[in-house]
Amino acid sequence: MRFIIIFIFFFSNAFAGEVPNLKNLIIHEKLKKYDELTFLDIDNNQISLKSYKGNLILLNFWATWCAPCKDEMPSLNNLNKKKNLENLKIFPINVGQDNFEKSLNFFESLNINNLKVYFDTPVTLAKKLQLRGIPTSILINKDGFEFARIVGSIDFENENFVKWLSNYN
């Protein structure tokens, strides 16, 4: 009996240690399923997340006027290069109703070269996902369920976060 209690204690602590200590990371106990999630690419083509089923997806909502968005964007850019996250698809979605040129200039000014610009016009996806502010990142598993979200900015290169995220890859 004593062995079982010790085993459970160490196992649960080991598992809990895998979750990154980020104050603004919300891990859902009950996964969220959405019927259809769509947004626009730079050429105004509609992108459907159904096309990416089987991939780990990170939707990052941002705007050019958002200082915290500007702070986290370089680390999001670098997250896209991580070898242990090859199945991760990152979609930075502008919800600030900025035009294409302003959005591209924003990426260029920050040296964002691993990501493409996407748009949520007229902010229908942000409403559907019930965003409360930006930046917000939604994490969707391979089966298309939202399993976590990040409300506010983070360092996407945080070693504990990257290790935790790679468990879903």
C-alpha atoms as a PDB file:
ATOM      1  CA  MET A   1       0.000   0.000   0.000  1.00  0.00           C
ATOM      2  CA  ARG A   2       2.803   2.378   0.910  1.00  0.00           C
ATOM      3  CA  PHE A   3       4.468   1.682  -2.455  1.00  0.00           C
ATOM      4  CA  ILE A   4       1.282   2.579  -4.343  1.00  0.00           C
ATOM      5  CA  ILE A   5       0.917   5.888  -2.514  1.00  0.00           C
ATOM      6  CA  ILE A   6       4.562   6.779  -3.129  1.00  0.00           C
ATOM      7  CA  PHE A   7       4.252   5.783  -6.793  1.00  0.00           C
ATOM      8  CA  ILE A   8       1.110   7.904  -7.252  1.00  0.00           C
ATOM      9  CA  PHE A   9       2.752  10.861  -5.494  1.00  0.00           C
ATOM     10  CA  PHE A  10       5.880  10.759  -7.676  1.00  0.00           C
ATOM     11  CA  PHE A  11       3.945  10.059 -10.868  1.00  0.00           C
ATOM     12  CA  SER A  12       1.520  12.938 -10.327  1.00  0.00           C
ATOM     13  CA  ASN A  13       4.336  15.350  -9.448  1.00  0.00           C
ATOM     14  CA  ALA A  14       6.332  14.297 -12.487  1.00  0.00           C
ATOM     15  CA  PHE A  15       3.327  14.853 -14.750  1.00  0.00           C
ATOM     16  CA  ALA A  16       2.490  18.212 -13.151  1.00  0.00           C
ATOM     17  CA  GLY A  17       6.092  19.317 -13.716  1.00  0.00           C
ATOM     18  CA  GLU A  18       5.622  18.956 -17.465  1.00  0.00           C
ATOM     19  CA  VAL A  19       3.052  21.759 -17.567  1.00  0.00           C
ATOM     20  CA  PRO A  20       4.852  25.077 -18.048  1.00  0.00           C
ATOM     21  CA  ASN A  21       4.511  27.605 -15.274  1.00  0.00           C
ATOM     22  CA  LEU A  22       2.917  30.371 -17.335  1.00  0.00           C
ATOM     23  CA  LYS A  23       0.356  32.491 -15.539  1.00  0.00           C
ATOM     24  CA  ASN A  24      -1.649  33.168 -18.688  1.00  0.00           C
ATOM     25  CA  LEU A  25      -1.793  29.586 -20.030  1.00  0.00           C
ATOM     26  CA  ILE A  26      -5.265  28.099 -19.600  1.00  0.00           C
ATOM     27  CA  ILE A  27      -5.442  24.334 -20.112  1.00  0.00           C
ATOM     28  CA  HIS A  28      -9.011  23.153 -20.637  1.00  0.00           C
ATOM     29  CA  GLU A  29     -10.334  20.256 -18.601  1.00  0.00           C
ATOM     30  CA  LYS A  30     -13.046  19.788 -21.219  1.00  0.00           C
ATOM     31  CA  LEU A  31     -11.907  20.156 -24.829  1.00  0.00           C
ATOM     32  CA  LYS A  32     -13.741  22.665 -27.031  1.00  0.00           C
ATOM     33  CA  LYS A  33     -14.977  21.691 -30.488  1.00  0.00           C
ATOM     34  CA  TYR A  34     -15.912  24.223 -33.156  1.00  0.00           C
ATOM     35  CA  ASP A  35     -17.899  23.474 -36.295  1.00  0.00           C
ATOM     36  CA  GLU A  36     -15.916  25.475 -38.810  1.00  0.00           C
ATOM     37  CA  LEU A  37     -13.011  27.855 -38.251  1.00  0.00           C
ATOM     38  CA  THR A  38     -12.046  29.999 -41.220  1.00  0.00           C
ATOM     39  CA  PHE A  39      -9.964  33.111 -41.859  1.00  0.00           C
ATOM     40  CA  LEU A  40      -8.276  34.845 -44.806  1.00  0.00           C
ATOM     41  CA  ASP A  41      -4.768  34.712 -46.218  1.00  0.00           C
ATOM     42  CA  ILE A  42      -2.920  37.701 -47.692  1.00  0.00           C
ATOM     43  CA  ASP A  43      -4.567  37.084 -51.094  1.00  0.00           C
ATOM     44  CA  ASN A  44      -8.050  37.166 -49.542  1.00  0.00           C
ATOM     45  CA  ASN A  45      -8.469  33.387 -49.955  1.00  0.00           C
ATOM     46  CA  GLN A  46     -10.497  31.624 -47.287  1.00  0.00           C
ATOM     47  CA  ILE A  47      -8.492  29.184 -45.145  1.00  0.00           C
ATOM     48  CA  SER A  48     -10.326  26.391 -43.326  1.00  0.00           C
ATOM     49  CA  LEU A  49      -8.735  24.649 -40.356  1.00  0.00           C
ATOM     50  CA  LYS A  50     -10.405  21.412 -41.463  1.00  0.00           C
ATOM     51  CA  SER A  51      -7.644  21.256 -44.090  1.00  0.00           C
ATOM     52  CA  TYR A  52      -5.077  21.009 -41.291  1.00  0.00           C
ATOM     53  CA  LYS A  53      -6.630  18.187 -39.262  1.00  0.00           C
ATOM     54  CA  GLY A  54      -3.848  15.938 -38.043  1.00  0.00           C
ATOM     55  CA  ASN A  55      -1.634  18.925 -37.244  1.00  0.00           C
ATOM     56  CA  LEU A  56      -1.094  20.753 -33.991  1.00  0.00           C
ATOM     57  CA  ILE A  57      -2.396  24.288 -34.607  1.00  0.00           C
ATOM     58  CA  LEU A  58      -1.601  27.580 -32.929  1.00  0.00           C
ATOM     59  CA  LEU A  59      -3.871  30.502 -33.825  1.00  0.00           C
ATOM     60  CA  ASN A  60      -2.284  33.764 -32.659  1.00  0.00           C
ATOM     61  CA  PHE A  61      -4.536  36.833 -32.694  1.00  0.00           C
ATOM     62  CA  TRP A  62      -2.727  40.168 -32.945  1.00  0.00           C
ATOM     63  CA  ALA A  63      -2.816  43.732 -34.307  1.00  0.00           C
ATOM     64  CA  THR A  64      -0.141  46.178 -35.461  1.00  0.00           C
ATOM     65  CA  TRP A  65      -1.069  48.700 -32.740  1.00  0.00           C
ATOM     66  CA  CYS A  66      -0.754  46.103 -29.933  1.00  0.00           C
ATOM     67  CA  ALA A  67       2.546  46.526 -28.015  1.00  0.00           C
ATOM     68  CA  PRO A  68       2.419  43.072 -26.324  1.00  0.00           C
ATOM     69  CA  CYS A  69       1.745  41.525 -29.756  1.00  0.00           C
ATOM     70  CA  LYS A  70       4.872  43.229 -31.057  1.00  0.00           C
ATOM     71  CA  ASP A  71       6.879  41.925 -28.091  1.00  0.00           C
ATOM     72  CA  GLU A  72       5.888  38.275 -28.544  1.00  0.00           C
ATOM     73  CA  MET A  73       5.915  38.059 -32.354  1.00  0.00           C
ATOM     74  CA  PRO A  74       9.690  37.399 -32.727  1.00  0.00           C
ATOM     75  CA  SER A  75       9.501  34.422 -30.332  1.00  0.00           C
ATOM     76  CA  LEU A  76       6.439  33.118 -32.214  1.00  0.00           C
ATOM     77  CA  ASN A  77       8.470  33.427 -35.419  1.00  0.00           C
ATOM     78  CA  ASN A  78      11.266  31.354 -33.852  1.00  0.00           C
ATOM     79  CA  LEU A  79       8.831  28.752 -32.500  1.00  0.00           C
ATOM     80  CA  ASN A  80       8.032  27.896 -36.109  1.00  0.00           C
ATOM     81  CA  LYS A  81      11.650  26.697 -36.559  1.00  0.00           C
ATOM     82  CA  LYS A  82      11.743  24.202 -33.650  1.00  0.00           C
ATOM     83  CA  LYS A  83      12.726  20.722 -34.848  1.00  0.00           C
ATOM     84  CA  ASN A  84      10.573  18.896 -32.267  1.00  0.00           C
ATOM     85  CA  LEU A  85       7.490  20.841 -33.427  1.00  0.00           C
ATOM     86  CA  GLU A  86       7.541  19.976 -37.130  1.00  0.00           C
ATOM     87  CA  ASN A  87       3.814  19.128 -37.102  1.00  0.00           C
ATOM     88  CA  LEU A  88       2.927  22.541 -35.634  1.00  0.00           C
ATOM     89  CA  LYS A  89       1.087  24.974 -37.926  1.00  0.00           C
ATOM     90  CA  ILE A  90       1.117  28.589 -36.770  1.00  0.00           C
ATOM     91  CA  PHE A  91      -1.424  31.094 -38.066  1.00  0.00           C
ATOM     92  CA  PRO A  92      -0.838  34.697 -36.896  1.00  0.00           C
ATOM     93  CA  ILE A  93      -4.252  36.288 -37.527  1.00  0.00           C
ATOM     94  CA  ASN A  94      -4.561  40.067 -37.599  1.00  0.00           C
ATOM     95  CA  VAL A  95      -7.790  41.183 -35.897  1.00  0.00           C
ATOM     96  CA  GLY A  96      -6.892  44.879 -35.867  1.00  0.00           C
ATOM     97  CA  GLN A  97      -8.525  45.501 -39.241  1.00  0.00           C
ATOM     98  CA  ASP A  98      -5.166  46.710 -40.536  1.00  0.00           C
ATOM     99  CA  ASN A  99      -4.646  46.656 -44.280  1.00  0.00           C
ATOM    100  CA  PHE A 100      -2.331  44.178 -45.992  1.00  0.00           C
ATOM    101  CA  GLU A 101       0.507  46.671 -46.473  1.00  0.00           C
ATOM    102  CA  LYS A 102       0.509  47.792 -42.833  1.00  0.00           C
ATOM    103  CA  SER A 103       0.509  44.171 -41.659  1.00  0.00           C
ATOM    104  CA  LEU A 104       3.376  43.218 -43.973  1.00  0.00           C
ATOM    105  CA  ASN A 105       5.357  46.270 -42.831  1.00  0.00           C
ATOM    106  CA  PHE A 106       4.780  45.186 -39.215  1.00  0.00           C
ATOM    107  CA  PHE A 107       6.237  41.728 -39.974  1.00  0.00           C
ATOM    108  CA  GLU A 108       9.131  43.246 -41.932  1.00  0.00           C
ATOM    109  CA  SER A 109      10.008  45.689 -39.125  1.00  0.00           C
ATOM    110  CA  LEU A 110      10.283  42.754 -36.692  1.00  0.00           C
ATOM    111  CA  ASN A 111      12.174  40.497 -39.125  1.00  0.00           C
ATOM    112  CA  ILE A 112       9.340  37.956 -39.140  1.00  0.00           C
ATOM    113  CA  ASN A 113      10.379  35.564 -41.902  1.00  0.00           C
ATOM    114  CA  ASN A 114       8.975  32.170 -40.818  1.00  0.00           C
ATOM    115  CA  LEU A 115       5.318  33.171 -40.672  1.00  0.00           C
ATOM    116  CA  LYS A 116       2.663  34.413 -43.058  1.00  0.00           C
ATOM    117  CA  VAL A 117       0.070  37.100 -42.365  1.00  0.00           C
ATOM    118  CA  TYR A 118      -3.576  36.051 -42.026  1.00  0.00           C
ATOM    119  CA  PHE A 119      -6.692  38.134 -41.405  1.00  0.00           C
ATOM    120  CA  ASP A 120      -9.950  37.824 -39.540  1.00  0.00           C
ATOM    121  CA  THR A 121     -12.215  40.126 -41.445  1.00  0.00           C
ATOM    122  CA  PRO A 122     -14.701  41.271 -40.211  1.00  0.00           C
ATOM    123  CA  VAL A 123     -13.518  39.751 -36.895  1.00  0.00           C
ATOM    124  CA  THR A 124     -15.900  36.804 -37.071  1.00  0.00           C
ATOM    125  CA  LEU A 125     -13.395  34.193 -35.894  1.00  0.00           C
ATOM    126  CA  ALA A 126     -12.413  36.272 -32.847  1.00  0.00           C
ATOM    127  CA  LYS A 127     -16.096  36.512 -31.903  1.00  0.00           C
ATOM    128  CA  LYS A 128     -16.683  32.799 -32.449  1.00  0.00           C
ATOM    129  CA  LEU A 129     -13.717  31.959 -30.195  1.00  0.00           C
ATOM    130  CA  GLN A 130     -14.865  34.564 -27.634  1.00  0.00           C
ATOM    131  CA  LEU A 131     -11.558  36.400 -27.413  1.00  0.00           C
ATOM    132  CA  ARG A 132     -11.327  38.874 -24.549  1.00  0.00           C
ATOM    133  CA  GLY A 133      -8.271  40.738 -25.760  1.00  0.00           C
ATOM    134  CA  ILE A 134      -5.091  40.464 -27.750  1.00  0.00           C
ATOM    135  CA  PRO A 135      -2.696  38.903 -28.003  1.00  0.00           C
ATOM    136  CA  THR A 136      -4.488  35.605 -27.498  1.00  0.00           C
ATOM    137  CA  SER A 137      -3.296  32.261 -28.809  1.00  0.00           C
ATOM    138  CA  ILE A 138      -5.557  29.249 -29.256  1.00  0.00           C
ATOM    139  CA  LEU A 139      -4.017  25.755 -29.251  1.00  0.00           C
ATOM    140  CA  ILE A 140      -5.876  23.092 -31.233  1.00  0.00           C
ATOM    141  CA  ASN A 141      -4.912  19.424 -31.117  1.00  0.00           C
ATOM    142  CA  LYS A 142      -4.609  17.010 -34.056  1.00  0.00           C
ATOM    143  CA  ASP A 143      -8.290  16.068 -33.741  1.00  0.00           C
ATOM    144  CA  GLY A 144      -9.460  19.684 -34.084  1.00  0.00           C
ATOM    145  CA  PHE A 145     -10.254  20.383 -30.408  1.00  0.00           C
ATOM    146  CA  GLU A 146      -9.115  23.470 -28.525  1.00  0.00           C
ATOM    147  CA  PHE A 147      -7.166  22.139 -25.555  1.00  0.00           C
ATOM    148  CA  ALA A 148      -5.581  25.360 -24.283  1.00  0.00           C
ATOM    149  CA  ARG A 149      -5.321  29.081 -24.811  1.00  0.00           C
ATOM    150  CA  ILE A 150      -2.866  31.784 -23.881  1.00  0.00           C
ATOM    151  CA  VAL A 151      -4.421  35.105 -22.887  1.00  0.00           C
ATOM    152  CA  GLY A 152      -1.795  37.814 -23.155  1.00  0.00           C
ATOM    153  CA  SER A 153       1.760  37.656 -24.399  1.00  0.00           C
ATOM    154  CA  ILE A 154       4.337  34.987 -23.618  1.00  0.00           C
ATOM    155  CA  ASP A 155       7.824  34.027 -24.669  1.00  0.00           C
ATOM    156  CA  PHE A 156       7.089  31.242 -27.156  1.00  0.00           C
ATOM    157  CA  GLU A 157      10.720  30.140 -26.840  1.00  0.00           C
ATOM    158  CA  ASN A 158      10.279  29.327 -23.131  1.00  0.00           C
ATOM    159  CA  GLU A 159      11.944  25.919 -22.792  1.00  0.00           C
ATOM    160  CA  ASN A 160       9.211  24.482 -20.552  1.00  0.00           C
ATOM    161  CA  PHE A 161       6.482  25.684 -22.905  1.00  0.00           C
ATOM    162  CA  VAL A 162       8.211  24.203 -25.971  1.00  0.00           C
ATOM    163  CA  LYS A 163       8.749  20.871 -24.185  1.00  0.00           C
ATOM    164  CA  TRP A 164       5.108  20.777 -23.036  1.00  0.00           C
ATOM    165  CA  LEU A 165       3.812  21.698 -26.495  1.00  0.00           C
ATOM    166  CA  SER A 166       5.933  19.001 -28.143  1.00  0.00           C
ATOM    167  CA  ASN A 167       3.912  16.389 -26.198  1.00  0.00           C
ATOM    168  CA  TYR A 168       0.926  17.315 -28.405  1.00  0.00           C
ATOM    169  CA  ASN A 169       2.887  17.234 -31.665  1.00  0.00           C
END
